[in-house]
Amino acid sequence: HLCVLGSAYTHTHTHPHTHPHVANMADTQLKRPIQTFGRKKTAVAVAHVKAAPAHVAIRPSRGTSIKVNGVPIHLLEPEGLRFKVYEPLLLIKMNDQDGSKYPEINNLDIRVRVSSGGHTSRLYAVRQAIAKSVLAYFQKFVDEESKNELKHILKRFDKSLVVADPRRTEPKKSVVPVPAPATRSLTVNLSWRWSFFSYRLP
């Protein structure tokens, strides 16, 4: 059968003595997605990444496909912060202009589910989940050296791409009202006693 790597078509052959069940198990392992997490404040994003499926024998590379809660990445809201989600892939592309160093980045299928948090927190959680999913894919299916190179590129730009921010908003402290001291009544009482004693003095 034909296998596509990048934009070039290459032939791959199955060994004639390979048992079909063993071959199917290997294909299942390769197609099984890798799960990663991204967090920002109370927002949690779960990403599943795998190689994009080839439904036909000859399939040109169409780039990485990313959906968040079933919505394509280019339709995420708010629009003003949408570019933050693109940053992990853009950084890798900038360090691989001709696409020969990390060709696998052009053939990924990433699905993200995000919940809780506000709009901004959700986008940052999705951003981190995408970055960590790419690193996990390269670690498992490519090699450790490429994964370390990509991790260095991402951390050099923004450490929060691969490391979760542990900071959380502290809960508001309850304030118990304290009654004001009765200074006025004490002053009146003392002044009355002083006037009484000064009146009785000879």
N, C-alpha and C. Protein backbone atom coordinates (compact mmCIF):
# COMPACT_ATOMS: atom_id res chain seq x y z
N HIS A 1 0.85 -1.19 0.00
CA HIS A 1 0.00 0.00 0.00
C HIS A 1 0.88 1.23 0.00
N LEU A 2 0.27 2.39 -0.17
CA LEU A 2 1.02 3.63 -0.24
C LEU A 2 0.90 4.38 1.08
N CYS A 3 1.99 4.94 1.50
CA CYS A 3 2.02 5.73 2.72
C CYS A 3 2.51 7.13 2.38
N VAL A 4 1.88 8.13 2.96
CA VAL A 4 2.24 9.51 2.67
C VAL A 4 3.03 10.08 3.81
N LEU A 5 4.20 10.65 3.53
CA LEU A 5 5.01 11.37 4.50
C LEU A 5 5.25 12.76 3.95
N GLY A 6 4.66 13.77 4.61
CA GLY A 6 4.77 15.13 4.09
C GLY A 6 4.01 15.22 2.79
N SER A 7 4.69 15.62 1.72
CA SER A 7 4.03 15.72 0.43
C SER A 7 4.57 14.70 -0.57
N ALA A 8 5.48 13.83 -0.11
CA ALA A 8 6.08 12.84 -1.01
C ALA A 8 5.37 11.51 -0.80
N TYR A 9 5.20 10.74 -1.88
CA TYR A 9 4.55 9.44 -1.81
C TYR A 9 5.64 8.36 -1.79
N THR A 10 5.55 7.47 -0.80
CA THR A 10 6.54 6.41 -0.67
C THR A 10 5.81 5.09 -0.57
N HIS A 11 6.46 4.03 -0.99
CA HIS A 11 5.88 2.69 -0.94
C HIS A 11 6.34 1.99 0.32
N THR A 12 5.42 1.33 0.99
CA THR A 12 5.76 0.50 2.14
C THR A 12 5.21 -0.89 1.89
N HIS A 13 5.96 -1.89 2.28
CA HIS A 13 5.57 -3.27 2.00
C HIS A 13 5.45 -4.03 3.31
N THR A 14 4.44 -4.85 3.41
CA THR A 14 4.25 -5.72 4.56
C THR A 14 4.99 -7.02 4.32
N HIS A 15 5.72 -7.45 5.35
CA HIS A 15 6.48 -8.67 5.22
C HIS A 15 5.52 -9.83 4.92
N PRO A 16 5.84 -10.69 3.96
CA PRO A 16 4.90 -11.75 3.57
C PRO A 16 4.61 -12.75 4.66
N HIS A 17 5.54 -12.90 5.65
CA HIS A 17 5.36 -13.89 6.70
C HIS A 17 4.74 -13.28 7.96
N THR A 18 4.39 -11.99 7.92
CA THR A 18 3.79 -11.35 9.09
C THR A 18 2.34 -11.80 9.24
N HIS A 19 2.00 -12.24 10.44
CA HIS A 19 0.63 -12.70 10.68
C HIS A 19 -0.32 -11.51 10.62
N PRO A 20 -1.50 -11.66 9.98
CA PRO A 20 -2.43 -10.53 9.87
C PRO A 20 -2.85 -9.97 11.22
N HIS A 21 -3.01 -10.84 12.24
CA HIS A 21 -3.43 -10.37 13.55
C HIS A 21 -2.35 -9.47 14.17
N VAL A 22 -1.08 -9.83 14.01
CA VAL A 22 0.02 -9.02 14.53
C VAL A 22 0.06 -7.67 13.82
N ALA A 23 -0.16 -7.67 12.51
CA ALA A 23 -0.17 -6.42 11.76
C ALA A 23 -1.32 -5.52 12.20
N ASN A 24 -2.49 -6.11 12.46
CA ASN A 24 -3.63 -5.32 12.90
C ASN A 24 -3.39 -4.73 14.29
N MET A 25 -2.73 -5.49 15.16
CA MET A 25 -2.41 -4.97 16.49
C MET A 25 -1.46 -3.81 16.40
N ALA A 26 -0.47 -3.89 15.50
CA ALA A 26 0.47 -2.79 15.33
C ALA A 26 -0.23 -1.54 14.81
N ASP A 27 -1.16 -1.71 13.86
CA ASP A 27 -1.90 -0.57 13.34
C ASP A 27 -2.77 0.05 14.42
N THR A 28 -3.37 -0.79 15.28
CA THR A 28 -4.20 -0.27 16.35
C THR A 28 -3.38 0.56 17.33
N GLN A 29 -2.17 0.08 17.65
CA GLN A 29 -1.31 0.83 18.56
C GLN A 29 -0.94 2.18 17.97
N LEU A 30 -0.67 2.23 16.67
CA LEU A 30 -0.29 3.48 16.03
C LEU A 30 -1.46 4.46 15.97
N LYS A 31 -2.68 3.94 15.82
CA LYS A 31 -3.84 4.81 15.69
C LYS A 31 -4.39 5.25 17.04
N ARG A 32 -3.97 4.62 18.12
CA ARG A 32 -4.50 4.97 19.43
C ARG A 32 -4.03 6.37 19.82
N PRO A 33 -4.95 7.28 20.16
CA PRO A 33 -4.54 8.65 20.46
C PRO A 33 -3.84 8.77 21.81
N ILE A 34 -3.02 9.79 21.93
CA ILE A 34 -2.33 10.10 23.18
C ILE A 34 -3.09 11.21 23.88
N GLN A 35 -3.26 11.10 25.17
CA GLN A 35 -4.03 12.07 25.95
C GLN A 35 -3.12 12.95 26.77
N THR A 36 -3.34 14.26 26.69
CA THR A 36 -2.61 15.22 27.49
C THR A 36 -3.59 16.23 28.09
N PHE A 37 -3.10 16.99 29.07
CA PHE A 37 -3.95 17.94 29.78
C PHE A 37 -3.34 19.33 29.75
N GLY A 38 -4.22 20.32 29.79
CA GLY A 38 -3.80 21.71 29.92
C GLY A 38 -4.68 22.39 30.95
N ARG A 39 -4.09 23.23 31.79
CA ARG A 39 -4.85 23.89 32.85
C ARG A 39 -4.50 25.37 32.94
N LYS A 40 -5.51 26.15 33.25
CA LYS A 40 -5.34 27.57 33.52
C LYS A 40 -6.44 27.97 34.49
N LYS A 41 -6.03 28.35 35.71
CA LYS A 41 -6.99 28.66 36.77
C LYS A 41 -7.93 27.46 36.97
N THR A 42 -9.22 27.65 36.74
CA THR A 42 -10.16 26.53 36.92
C THR A 42 -10.50 25.83 35.62
N ALA A 43 -9.98 26.31 34.49
CA ALA A 43 -10.27 25.68 33.19
C ALA A 43 -9.36 24.46 33.00
N VAL A 44 -9.94 23.39 32.47
CA VAL A 44 -9.20 22.15 32.21
C VAL A 44 -9.48 21.72 30.77
N ALA A 45 -8.40 21.50 30.00
CA ALA A 45 -8.50 21.06 28.61
C ALA A 45 -7.86 19.68 28.49
N VAL A 46 -8.54 18.78 27.80
CA VAL A 46 -8.02 17.43 27.55
C VAL A 46 -7.85 17.27 26.04
N ALA A 47 -6.62 16.99 25.61
CA ALA A 47 -6.32 16.85 24.18
C ALA A 47 -6.00 15.41 23.84
N HIS A 48 -6.50 14.95 22.70
CA HIS A 48 -6.19 13.63 22.15
C HIS A 48 -5.54 13.84 20.79
N VAL A 49 -4.32 13.33 20.63
CA VAL A 49 -3.58 13.53 19.39
C VAL A 49 -3.22 12.19 18.79
N LYS A 50 -3.30 12.11 17.47
CA LYS A 50 -2.89 10.93 16.73
C LYS A 50 -2.54 11.36 15.31
N ALA A 51 -1.96 10.44 14.54
CA ALA A 51 -1.68 10.73 13.14
C ALA A 51 -3.00 10.85 12.39
N ALA A 52 -3.08 11.82 11.49
CA ALA A 52 -4.30 12.02 10.72
C ALA A 52 -4.60 10.77 9.91
N PRO A 53 -5.84 10.28 9.92
CA PRO A 53 -6.17 9.04 9.21
C PRO A 53 -6.12 9.22 7.70
N ALA A 54 -5.68 8.18 7.00
CA ALA A 54 -5.66 8.18 5.54
C ALA A 54 -6.78 7.27 5.07
N HIS A 55 -7.84 7.85 4.56
CA HIS A 55 -9.00 7.06 4.13
C HIS A 55 -8.85 6.52 2.72
N VAL A 56 -7.87 7.05 1.97
CA VAL A 56 -7.65 6.58 0.61
C VAL A 56 -6.20 6.16 0.47
N ALA A 57 -5.91 5.45 -0.61
CA ALA A 57 -4.57 4.93 -0.80
C ALA A 57 -3.56 6.05 -1.04
N ILE A 58 -3.95 7.06 -1.82
CA ILE A 58 -3.05 8.18 -2.10
C ILE A 58 -3.70 9.43 -1.52
N ARG A 59 -3.07 10.01 -0.52
CA ARG A 59 -3.65 11.16 0.16
C ARG A 59 -2.58 12.22 0.40
N PRO A 60 -2.66 13.38 -0.22
CA PRO A 60 -1.68 14.42 0.04
C PRO A 60 -1.85 14.99 1.44
N SER A 61 -0.76 15.52 1.99
CA SER A 61 -0.81 16.10 3.33
C SER A 61 -1.67 17.36 3.32
N ARG A 62 -2.60 17.45 4.26
CA ARG A 62 -3.47 18.61 4.34
C ARG A 62 -3.21 19.46 5.58
N GLY A 63 -2.16 19.19 6.29
CA GLY A 63 -1.84 19.96 7.48
C GLY A 63 -2.52 19.39 8.72
N THR A 64 -2.13 19.93 9.87
CA THR A 64 -2.67 19.46 11.13
C THR A 64 -4.11 19.91 11.30
N SER A 65 -4.96 18.97 11.74
CA SER A 65 -6.36 19.27 11.98
C SER A 65 -6.60 19.39 13.49
N ILE A 66 -7.18 20.52 13.92
CA ILE A 66 -7.42 20.77 15.34
C ILE A 66 -8.87 21.22 15.52
N LYS A 67 -9.55 20.56 16.46
CA LYS A 67 -10.90 20.96 16.82
C LYS A 67 -11.00 21.06 18.34
N VAL A 68 -11.73 22.08 18.79
CA VAL A 68 -11.93 22.31 20.22
C VAL A 68 -13.42 22.22 20.50
N ASN A 69 -13.83 21.24 21.30
CA ASN A 69 -15.25 20.99 21.57
C ASN A 69 -16.04 20.84 20.27
N GLY A 70 -15.41 20.21 19.28
CA GLY A 70 -16.07 19.98 18.01
C GLY A 70 -16.04 21.14 17.04
N VAL A 71 -15.44 22.27 17.44
CA VAL A 71 -15.39 23.48 16.60
C VAL A 71 -13.99 23.62 16.01
N PRO A 72 -13.85 23.88 14.71
CA PRO A 72 -12.52 24.10 14.13
C PRO A 72 -11.79 25.25 14.82
N ILE A 73 -10.48 25.14 14.87
CA ILE A 73 -9.69 26.08 15.65
C ILE A 73 -9.82 27.51 15.13
N HIS A 74 -10.07 27.70 13.83
CA HIS A 74 -10.15 29.05 13.28
C HIS A 74 -11.48 29.73 13.57
N LEU A 75 -12.37 29.05 14.31
CA LEU A 75 -13.65 29.64 14.68
C LEU A 75 -13.78 29.87 16.19
N LEU A 76 -12.68 29.72 16.92
CA LEU A 76 -12.73 29.89 18.37
C LEU A 76 -13.02 31.34 18.74
N GLU A 77 -13.67 31.51 19.88
CA GLU A 77 -13.97 32.82 20.44
C GLU A 77 -13.34 32.93 21.82
N PRO A 78 -12.93 34.14 22.23
CA PRO A 78 -13.00 35.42 21.52
C PRO A 78 -11.96 35.51 20.41
N GLU A 79 -12.30 36.21 19.36
CA GLU A 79 -11.44 36.30 18.19
C GLU A 79 -10.13 37.00 18.50
N GLY A 80 -10.14 37.96 19.42
CA GLY A 80 -8.93 38.70 19.74
C GLY A 80 -7.83 37.86 20.35
N LEU A 81 -8.19 36.74 21.00
CA LEU A 81 -7.20 35.87 21.62
C LEU A 81 -7.00 34.57 20.86
N ARG A 82 -7.61 34.46 19.69
CA ARG A 82 -7.52 33.22 18.92
C ARG A 82 -6.09 32.88 18.53
N PHE A 83 -5.29 33.91 18.26
CA PHE A 83 -3.91 33.66 17.82
C PHE A 83 -3.08 32.97 18.89
N LYS A 84 -3.49 33.09 20.18
CA LYS A 84 -2.74 32.44 21.25
C LYS A 84 -2.78 30.92 21.10
N VAL A 85 -3.88 30.39 20.57
CA VAL A 85 -4.00 28.94 20.40
C VAL A 85 -3.09 28.45 19.27
N TYR A 86 -2.81 29.31 18.30
CA TYR A 86 -1.95 28.93 17.17
C TYR A 86 -0.46 28.90 17.55
N GLU A 87 -0.09 29.55 18.65
CA GLU A 87 1.32 29.76 18.97
C GLU A 87 2.16 28.49 18.99
N PRO A 88 1.73 27.37 19.61
CA PRO A 88 2.61 26.18 19.62
C PRO A 88 2.99 25.72 18.22
N LEU A 89 2.04 25.66 17.30
CA LEU A 89 2.34 25.21 15.94
C LEU A 89 3.13 26.25 15.16
N LEU A 90 2.82 27.54 15.36
CA LEU A 90 3.55 28.59 14.65
C LEU A 90 5.02 28.62 15.06
N LEU A 91 5.29 28.41 16.35
CA LEU A 91 6.68 28.40 16.81
C LEU A 91 7.47 27.26 16.16
N ILE A 92 6.85 26.10 16.05
CA ILE A 92 7.53 24.97 15.42
C ILE A 92 7.75 25.24 13.94
N LYS A 93 6.75 25.82 13.27
CA LYS A 93 6.89 26.14 11.85
C LYS A 93 8.00 27.16 11.62
N MET A 94 8.12 28.14 12.52
CA MET A 94 9.16 29.16 12.36
C MET A 94 10.56 28.57 12.47
N ASN A 95 10.71 27.49 13.23
CA ASN A 95 12.01 26.83 13.38
C ASN A 95 12.20 25.69 12.38
N ASP A 96 11.27 25.54 11.46
CA ASP A 96 11.37 24.50 10.43
C ASP A 96 10.72 25.05 9.15
N GLN A 97 11.43 25.99 8.52
CA GLN A 97 10.85 26.72 7.40
C GLN A 97 10.50 25.81 6.23
N ASP A 98 11.39 24.88 5.88
CA ASP A 98 11.16 24.03 4.71
C ASP A 98 10.37 22.76 5.04
N GLY A 99 10.06 22.54 6.31
CA GLY A 99 9.26 21.38 6.70
C GLY A 99 9.98 20.05 6.66
N SER A 100 11.30 20.06 6.60
CA SER A 100 12.06 18.81 6.52
C SER A 100 12.52 18.31 7.89
N LYS A 101 12.57 19.20 8.88
CA LYS A 101 13.08 18.82 10.19
C LYS A 101 12.02 18.11 11.04
N TYR A 102 10.80 18.65 11.01
CA TYR A 102 9.69 18.05 11.76
C TYR A 102 8.51 17.83 10.82
N PRO A 103 8.62 16.91 9.86
CA PRO A 103 7.52 16.72 8.90
C PRO A 103 6.25 16.16 9.54
N GLU A 104 6.38 15.50 10.68
CA GLU A 104 5.20 14.90 11.33
C GLU A 104 4.20 15.96 11.80
N ILE A 105 4.66 17.19 11.99
CA ILE A 105 3.77 18.23 12.49
C ILE A 105 2.68 18.56 11.48
N ASN A 106 2.90 18.20 10.22
CA ASN A 106 1.92 18.51 9.17
C ASN A 106 0.85 17.44 9.01
N ASN A 107 0.89 16.40 9.83
CA ASN A 107 -0.05 15.29 9.64
C ASN A 107 -0.60 14.80 10.97
N LEU A 108 -1.04 15.76 11.82
CA LEU A 108 -1.57 15.41 13.13
C LEU A 108 -3.07 15.69 13.18
N ASP A 109 -3.74 14.92 14.00
CA ASP A 109 -5.17 15.09 14.24
C ASP A 109 -5.34 15.30 15.75
N ILE A 110 -5.72 16.52 16.16
CA ILE A 110 -5.82 16.88 17.57
C ILE A 110 -7.26 17.25 17.88
N ARG A 111 -7.81 16.61 18.90
CA ARG A 111 -9.16 16.91 19.38
C ARG A 111 -9.07 17.33 20.84
N VAL A 112 -9.66 18.47 21.17
CA VAL A 112 -9.55 19.04 22.51
C VAL A 112 -10.95 19.23 23.09
N ARG A 113 -11.12 18.84 24.36
CA ARG A 113 -12.33 19.13 25.11
C ARG A 113 -11.96 20.00 26.30
N VAL A 114 -12.63 21.14 26.45
CA VAL A 114 -12.31 22.07 27.52
C VAL A 114 -13.58 22.40 28.29
N SER A 115 -13.43 22.56 29.60
CA SER A 115 -14.58 22.85 30.45
C SER A 115 -14.14 23.76 31.59
N SER A 116 -15.16 24.38 32.23
CA SER A 116 -14.96 25.28 33.37
C SER A 116 -14.17 26.52 32.94
N GLY A 117 -14.04 27.44 33.89
CA GLY A 117 -13.27 28.64 33.62
C GLY A 117 -13.98 29.62 32.70
N GLY A 118 -13.34 30.80 32.52
CA GLY A 118 -13.85 31.82 31.62
C GLY A 118 -13.29 31.65 30.22
N HIS A 119 -13.63 32.59 29.34
CA HIS A 119 -13.19 32.51 27.94
C HIS A 119 -11.67 32.54 27.83
N THR A 120 -11.03 33.47 28.54
CA THR A 120 -9.58 33.60 28.46
C THR A 120 -8.88 32.37 29.05
N SER A 121 -9.33 31.91 30.21
CA SER A 121 -8.73 30.74 30.84
C SER A 121 -8.86 29.50 29.95
N ARG A 122 -9.99 29.36 29.29
CA ARG A 122 -10.18 28.21 28.41
C ARG A 122 -9.20 28.21 27.25
N LEU A 123 -8.99 29.36 26.64
CA LEU A 123 -8.06 29.43 25.51
C LEU A 123 -6.64 29.11 25.94
N TYR A 124 -6.24 29.59 27.10
CA TYR A 124 -4.89 29.30 27.57
C TYR A 124 -4.75 27.82 27.95
N ALA A 125 -5.80 27.22 28.47
CA ALA A 125 -5.75 25.79 28.77
C ALA A 125 -5.66 24.97 27.48
N VAL A 126 -6.42 25.37 26.45
CA VAL A 126 -6.34 24.68 25.14
C VAL A 126 -4.96 24.85 24.54
N ARG A 127 -4.41 26.03 24.64
CA ARG A 127 -3.06 26.31 24.12
C ARG A 127 -2.03 25.38 24.75
N GLN A 128 -2.10 25.22 26.06
CA GLN A 128 -1.14 24.35 26.74
C GLN A 128 -1.37 22.89 26.39
N ALA A 129 -2.64 22.48 26.27
CA ALA A 129 -2.94 21.08 25.93
C ALA A 129 -2.42 20.74 24.54
N ILE A 130 -2.54 21.66 23.58
CA ILE A 130 -2.04 21.41 22.23
C ILE A 130 -0.53 21.28 22.23
N ALA A 131 0.16 22.18 22.94
CA ALA A 131 1.62 22.12 23.00
C ALA A 131 2.09 20.81 23.63
N LYS A 132 1.47 20.39 24.71
CA LYS A 132 1.87 19.16 25.37
C LYS A 132 1.52 17.92 24.55
N SER A 133 0.44 18.00 23.77
CA SER A 133 0.08 16.85 22.92
C SER A 133 1.11 16.65 21.81
N VAL A 134 1.61 17.75 21.24
CA VAL A 134 2.64 17.64 20.20
C VAL A 134 3.91 17.03 20.78
N LEU A 135 4.30 17.47 21.97
CA LEU A 135 5.50 16.91 22.61
C LEU A 135 5.31 15.42 22.90
N ALA A 136 4.13 15.05 23.40
CA ALA A 136 3.89 13.64 23.71
C ALA A 136 3.90 12.78 22.45
N TYR A 137 3.38 13.32 21.35
CA TYR A 137 3.37 12.56 20.09
C TYR A 137 4.79 12.33 19.60
N PHE A 138 5.62 13.37 19.62
CA PHE A 138 7.00 13.22 19.17
C PHE A 138 7.79 12.29 20.08
N GLN A 139 7.49 12.31 21.37
CA GLN A 139 8.20 11.42 22.29
C GLN A 139 7.86 9.95 22.02
N LYS A 140 6.62 9.67 21.68
CA LYS A 140 6.19 8.28 21.52
C LYS A 140 6.44 7.75 20.12
N PHE A 141 6.21 8.58 19.08
CA PHE A 141 6.23 8.06 17.72
C PHE A 141 7.42 8.56 16.89
N VAL A 142 8.16 9.55 17.37
CA VAL A 142 9.30 10.05 16.58
C VAL A 142 10.59 9.69 17.33
N ASP A 143 11.12 10.59 18.13
CA ASP A 143 12.30 10.28 18.94
C ASP A 143 12.42 11.30 20.05
N GLU A 144 13.18 10.94 21.07
CA GLU A 144 13.34 11.78 22.25
C GLU A 144 14.09 13.06 21.93
N GLU A 145 15.04 13.00 21.02
CA GLU A 145 15.83 14.19 20.67
C GLU A 145 14.95 15.27 20.06
N SER A 146 14.09 14.89 19.12
CA SER A 146 13.18 15.88 18.51
C SER A 146 12.23 16.45 19.54
N LYS A 147 11.76 15.60 20.44
CA LYS A 147 10.85 16.08 21.49
C LYS A 147 11.54 17.10 22.38
N ASN A 148 12.80 16.86 22.76
CA ASN A 148 13.54 17.80 23.61
C ASN A 148 13.80 19.11 22.88
N GLU A 149 14.07 19.04 21.58
CA GLU A 149 14.27 20.26 20.81
C GLU A 149 13.01 21.11 20.78
N LEU A 150 11.86 20.47 20.54
CA LEU A 150 10.60 21.20 20.50
C LEU A 150 10.26 21.77 21.88
N LYS A 151 10.54 21.01 22.93
CA LYS A 151 10.27 21.49 24.28
C LYS A 151 11.10 22.72 24.60
N HIS A 152 12.36 22.72 24.15
CA HIS A 152 13.23 23.88 24.37
C HIS A 152 12.71 25.09 23.61
N ILE A 153 12.23 24.88 22.39
CA ILE A 153 11.68 25.99 21.59
C ILE A 153 10.46 26.60 22.28
N LEU A 154 9.56 25.75 22.77
CA LEU A 154 8.34 26.24 23.40
C LEU A 154 8.62 26.92 24.74
N LYS A 155 9.50 26.33 25.56
CA LYS A 155 9.80 26.92 26.86
C LYS A 155 10.56 28.22 26.73
N ARG A 156 11.38 28.33 25.71
CA ARG A 156 12.12 29.58 25.50
C ARG A 156 11.17 30.73 25.17
N PHE A 157 10.08 30.43 24.48
CA PHE A 157 9.10 31.45 24.15
C PHE A 157 8.20 31.77 25.34
N ASP A 158 7.65 30.73 25.96
CA ASP A 158 6.74 30.91 27.09
C ASP A 158 6.70 29.61 27.88
N LYS A 159 7.15 29.68 29.12
CA LYS A 159 7.23 28.48 29.95
C LYS A 159 5.85 27.88 30.21
N SER A 160 4.81 28.72 30.24
CA SER A 160 3.47 28.22 30.53
C SER A 160 2.91 27.35 29.41
N LEU A 161 3.59 27.26 28.26
CA LEU A 161 3.14 26.37 27.19
C LEU A 161 3.26 24.90 27.59
N VAL A 162 4.24 24.59 28.43
CA VAL A 162 4.46 23.19 28.80
C VAL A 162 4.40 22.95 30.30
N VAL A 163 4.34 24.01 31.11
CA VAL A 163 4.30 23.87 32.56
C VAL A 163 3.04 24.56 33.07
N ALA A 164 2.22 23.85 33.82
CA ALA A 164 0.99 24.42 34.35
C ALA A 164 1.29 25.46 35.41
N ASP A 165 0.49 26.51 35.44
CA ASP A 165 0.64 27.58 36.43
C ASP A 165 -0.06 27.15 37.72
N PRO A 166 0.71 26.98 38.82
CA PRO A 166 0.07 26.50 40.06
C PRO A 166 -0.70 27.57 40.81
N ARG A 167 -0.58 28.83 40.40
CA ARG A 167 -1.22 29.91 41.15
C ARG A 167 -2.74 29.84 41.02
N ARG A 168 -3.41 30.10 42.13
CA ARG A 168 -4.86 30.12 42.16
C ARG A 168 -5.32 31.35 42.93
N THR A 169 -6.50 31.82 42.64
CA THR A 169 -7.06 32.96 43.37
C THR A 169 -7.45 32.53 44.77
N GLU A 170 -6.97 33.26 45.77
CA GLU A 170 -7.29 32.91 47.15
C GLU A 170 -8.74 33.24 47.46
N PRO A 171 -9.40 32.40 48.24
CA PRO A 171 -10.79 32.72 48.62
C PRO A 171 -10.85 33.94 49.51
N LYS A 172 -11.95 34.66 49.40
CA LYS A 172 -12.11 35.86 50.22
C LYS A 172 -12.27 35.48 51.68
N LYS A 173 -11.58 36.24 52.54
CA LYS A 173 -11.64 35.97 53.98
C LYS A 173 -12.87 36.65 54.57
N SER A 174 -13.58 35.93 55.43
CA SER A 174 -14.76 36.49 56.06
C SER A 174 -14.36 37.48 57.15
N VAL A 175 -15.00 38.62 57.19
CA VAL A 175 -14.70 39.68 58.16
C VAL A 175 -15.83 39.74 59.19
N VAL A 176 -15.48 39.56 60.47
CA VAL A 176 -16.46 39.63 61.55
C VAL A 176 -16.53 41.05 62.05
N PRO A 177 -17.70 41.70 61.99
CA PRO A 177 -17.78 43.10 62.45
C PRO A 177 -17.54 43.21 63.95
N VAL A 178 -16.72 44.18 64.34
CA VAL A 178 -16.40 44.42 65.75
C VAL A 178 -17.08 45.71 66.18
N PRO A 179 -17.87 45.68 67.23
CA PRO A 179 -18.55 46.91 67.66
C PRO A 179 -17.55 47.96 68.15
N ALA A 180 -17.86 49.20 67.86
CA ALA A 180 -16.98 50.30 68.27
C ALA A 180 -17.02 50.48 69.78
N PRO A 181 -15.91 50.83 70.40
CA PRO A 181 -15.90 51.03 71.87
C PRO A 181 -16.78 52.20 72.29
N ALA A 182 -17.40 52.07 73.45
CA ALA A 182 -18.31 53.12 73.95
C ALA A 182 -17.52 54.22 74.63
N THR A 183 -16.76 54.98 73.89
CA THR A 183 -15.93 56.04 74.46
C THR A 183 -16.74 57.25 74.87
N ARG A 184 -17.83 57.51 74.11
CA ARG A 184 -18.61 58.71 74.40
C ARG A 184 -19.31 58.61 75.74
N SER A 185 -19.96 57.48 76.00
CA SER A 185 -20.67 57.31 77.27
C SER A 185 -19.70 57.32 78.44
N LEU A 186 -18.49 56.77 78.24
CA LEU A 186 -17.50 56.77 79.31
C LEU A 186 -17.06 58.19 79.63
N THR A 187 -16.88 59.01 78.62
CA THR A 187 -16.44 60.40 78.83
C THR A 187 -17.51 61.19 79.56
N VAL A 188 -18.75 61.02 79.18
CA VAL A 188 -19.85 61.73 79.85
C VAL A 188 -19.95 61.33 81.30
N ASN A 189 -19.78 60.04 81.57
CA ASN A 189 -19.87 59.54 82.93
C ASN A 189 -18.77 60.11 83.80
N LEU A 190 -17.55 60.14 83.28
CA LEU A 190 -16.43 60.67 84.05
C LEU A 190 -16.59 62.17 84.30
N SER A 191 -17.04 62.90 83.32
CA SER A 191 -17.22 64.35 83.49
C SER A 191 -18.30 64.64 84.53
N TRP A 192 -19.32 63.81 84.57
CA TRP A 192 -20.38 64.01 85.56
C TRP A 192 -19.86 63.76 86.97
N ARG A 193 -19.04 62.69 87.15
CA ARG A 193 -18.47 62.39 88.46
C ARG A 193 -17.51 63.49 88.90
N TRP A 194 -16.71 64.02 87.97
CA TRP A 194 -15.76 65.09 88.35
C TRP A 194 -16.49 66.36 88.78
N SER A 195 -17.55 66.70 88.11
CA SER A 195 -18.32 67.89 88.48
C SER A 195 -18.99 67.70 89.85
N PHE A 196 -19.39 66.47 90.16
CA PHE A 196 -20.04 66.19 91.43
C PHE A 196 -19.07 66.36 92.58
N PHE A 197 -17.82 65.79 92.42
CA PHE A 197 -16.83 65.90 93.50
C PHE A 197 -16.33 67.32 93.63
N SER A 198 -16.17 68.03 92.55
CA SER A 198 -15.68 69.41 92.65
C SER A 198 -16.74 70.31 93.29
N TYR A 199 -17.98 69.98 93.21
CA TYR A 199 -19.04 70.79 93.83
C TYR A 199 -19.05 70.62 95.34
N ARG A 200 -18.73 69.39 95.83
CA ARG A 200 -18.76 69.12 97.26
C ARG A 200 -17.50 69.55 97.97
N LEU A 201 -16.45 69.87 97.23
CA LEU A 201 -15.23 70.30 97.90
C LEU A 201 -15.42 71.71 98.49
N PRO A 202 -14.83 71.99 99.70
CA PRO A 202 -14.97 73.32 100.35
C PRO A 202 -14.15 74.37 99.59
